């Protein structure tokens, strides 16, 4: 998987890694809950992963978060 994530996507994964609830993440990023869910799904799809936690692990193993 050689996908490249932009700064906002890495920030989104970092917030998920902190264990923040979806509504808190949305507020911090000034986005709607739906947009956060959609962006996370997009990240997972691009990386070929099934769940957000897999995306968090993927980013952590690569030193992104």
C-alpha atoms as a PDB file:
ATOM      1  CA  UNK A   1       0.000   0.000   0.000  1.00  0.00           C
ATOM      2  CA  UNK A   2       1.739   3.112  -1.197  1.00  0.00           C
ATOM      3  CA  UNK A   3      -1.151   5.479  -0.701  1.00  0.00           C
ATOM      4  CA  UNK A   4      -0.317   9.001   0.300  1.00  0.00           C
ATOM      5  CA  UNK A   5      -2.503  10.790   2.807  1.00  0.00           C
ATOM      6  CA  UNK A   6      -2.799  14.549   2.943  1.00  0.00           C
ATOM      7  CA  UNK A   7      -2.341  16.582   6.124  1.00  0.00           C
ATOM      8  CA  UNK A   8      -6.071  16.712   6.895  1.00  0.00           C
ATOM      9  CA  UNK A   9      -6.438  12.951   6.511  1.00  0.00           C
ATOM     10  CA  UNK A  10      -3.524  12.331   8.866  1.00  0.00           C
ATOM     11  CA  UNK A  11      -5.102  14.737  11.380  1.00  0.00           C
ATOM     12  CA  UNK A  12      -8.387  12.848  11.111  1.00  0.00           C
ATOM     13  CA  UNK A  13      -6.624   9.546  11.813  1.00  0.00           C
ATOM     14  CA  UNK A  14      -4.743  11.110  14.733  1.00  0.00           C
ATOM     15  CA  UNK A  15      -8.020  12.204  16.338  1.00  0.00           C
ATOM     16  CA  UNK A  16      -9.427   8.703  15.895  1.00  0.00           C
ATOM     17  CA  UNK A  17      -6.244   7.301  17.441  1.00  0.00           C
ATOM     18  CA  UNK A  18      -6.820   9.497  20.507  1.00  0.00           C
ATOM     19  CA  UNK A  19     -10.175   7.787  20.953  1.00  0.00           C
ATOM     20  CA  UNK A  20     -12.214  10.925  20.438  1.00  0.00           C
ATOM     21  CA  UNK A  21     -15.890  10.450  19.630  1.00  0.00           C
ATOM     22  CA  UNK A  22     -17.005  11.252  16.107  1.00  0.00           C
ATOM     23  CA  UNK A  23     -18.852  14.434  17.094  1.00  0.00           C
ATOM     24  CA  UNK A  24     -15.758  15.787  18.882  1.00  0.00           C
ATOM     25  CA  UNK A  25     -13.594  15.069  15.852  1.00  0.00           C
ATOM     26  CA  UNK A  26     -16.117  16.807  13.615  1.00  0.00           C
ATOM     27  CA  UNK A  27     -16.155  19.883  15.860  1.00  0.00           C
ATOM     28  CA  UNK A  28     -12.357  20.090  15.987  1.00  0.00           C
ATOM     29  CA  UNK A  29     -12.105  19.828  12.206  1.00  0.00           C
ATOM     30  CA  UNK A  30     -15.095  22.137  11.720  1.00  0.00           C
ATOM     31  CA  UNK A  31     -16.888  19.481   9.673  1.00  0.00           C
ATOM     32  CA  UNK A  32     -20.189  17.651   9.955  1.00  0.00           C
ATOM     33  CA  UNK A  33     -20.333  14.158  11.459  1.00  0.00           C
ATOM     34  CA  UNK A  34     -21.378  12.873   8.050  1.00  0.00           C
ATOM     35  CA  UNK A  35     -18.355  14.448   6.354  1.00  0.00           C
ATOM     36  CA  UNK A  36     -16.004  12.899   8.917  1.00  0.00           C
ATOM     37  CA  UNK A  37     -17.575   9.463   8.343  1.00  0.00           C
ATOM     38  CA  UNK A  38     -17.363   9.915   4.577  1.00  0.00           C
ATOM     39  CA  UNK A  39     -13.715  10.995   4.698  1.00  0.00           C
ATOM     40  CA  UNK A  40     -12.804   8.077   6.941  1.00  0.00           C
ATOM     41  CA  UNK A  41     -14.551   5.670   4.561  1.00  0.00           C
ATOM     42  CA  UNK A  42     -12.629   7.233   1.666  1.00  0.00           C
ATOM     43  CA  UNK A  43      -9.322   6.750   3.492  1.00  0.00           C
ATOM     44  CA  UNK A  44     -10.175   3.126   4.278  1.00  0.00           C
ATOM     45  CA  UNK A  45     -11.246   2.440   0.697  1.00  0.00           C
ATOM     46  CA  UNK A  46      -8.095   4.002  -0.736  1.00  0.00           C
ATOM     47  CA  UNK A  47      -5.899   1.976   1.626  1.00  0.00           C
ATOM     48  CA  UNK A  48      -7.873  -1.217   1.024  1.00  0.00           C
ATOM     49  CA  UNK A  49      -8.865  -1.485   4.674  1.00  0.00           C
ATOM     50  CA  UNK A  50     -12.192  -2.441   6.209  1.00  0.00           C
ATOM     51  CA  UNK A  51     -12.316  -0.360   9.384  1.00  0.00           C
ATOM     52  CA  UNK A  52     -11.103   2.993  10.720  1.00  0.00           C
ATOM     53  CA  UNK A  53      -9.022   1.263  13.386  1.00  0.00           C
ATOM     54  CA  UNK A  54      -7.125  -0.552  10.639  1.00  0.00           C
ATOM     55  CA  UNK A  55      -6.411   2.822   9.027  1.00  0.00           C
ATOM     56  CA  UNK A  56      -5.171   4.167  12.374  1.00  0.00           C
ATOM     57  CA  UNK A  57      -2.854   1.166  12.772  1.00  0.00           C
ATOM     58  CA  UNK A  58      -1.660   1.565   9.169  1.00  0.00           C
ATOM     59  CA  UNK A  59      -0.769   5.230   9.824  1.00  0.00           C
ATOM     60  CA  UNK A  60       0.851   4.484  13.187  1.00  0.00           C
ATOM     61  CA  UNK A  61       3.071   1.763  11.710  1.00  0.00           C
ATOM     62  CA  UNK A  62       4.295   4.242   9.139  1.00  0.00           C
ATOM     63  CA  UNK A  63       5.025   6.901  11.735  1.00  0.00           C
ATOM     64  CA  UNK A  64       2.358   9.266  10.403  1.00  0.00           C
ATOM     65  CA  UNK A  65       0.616   9.590  13.754  1.00  0.00           C
END
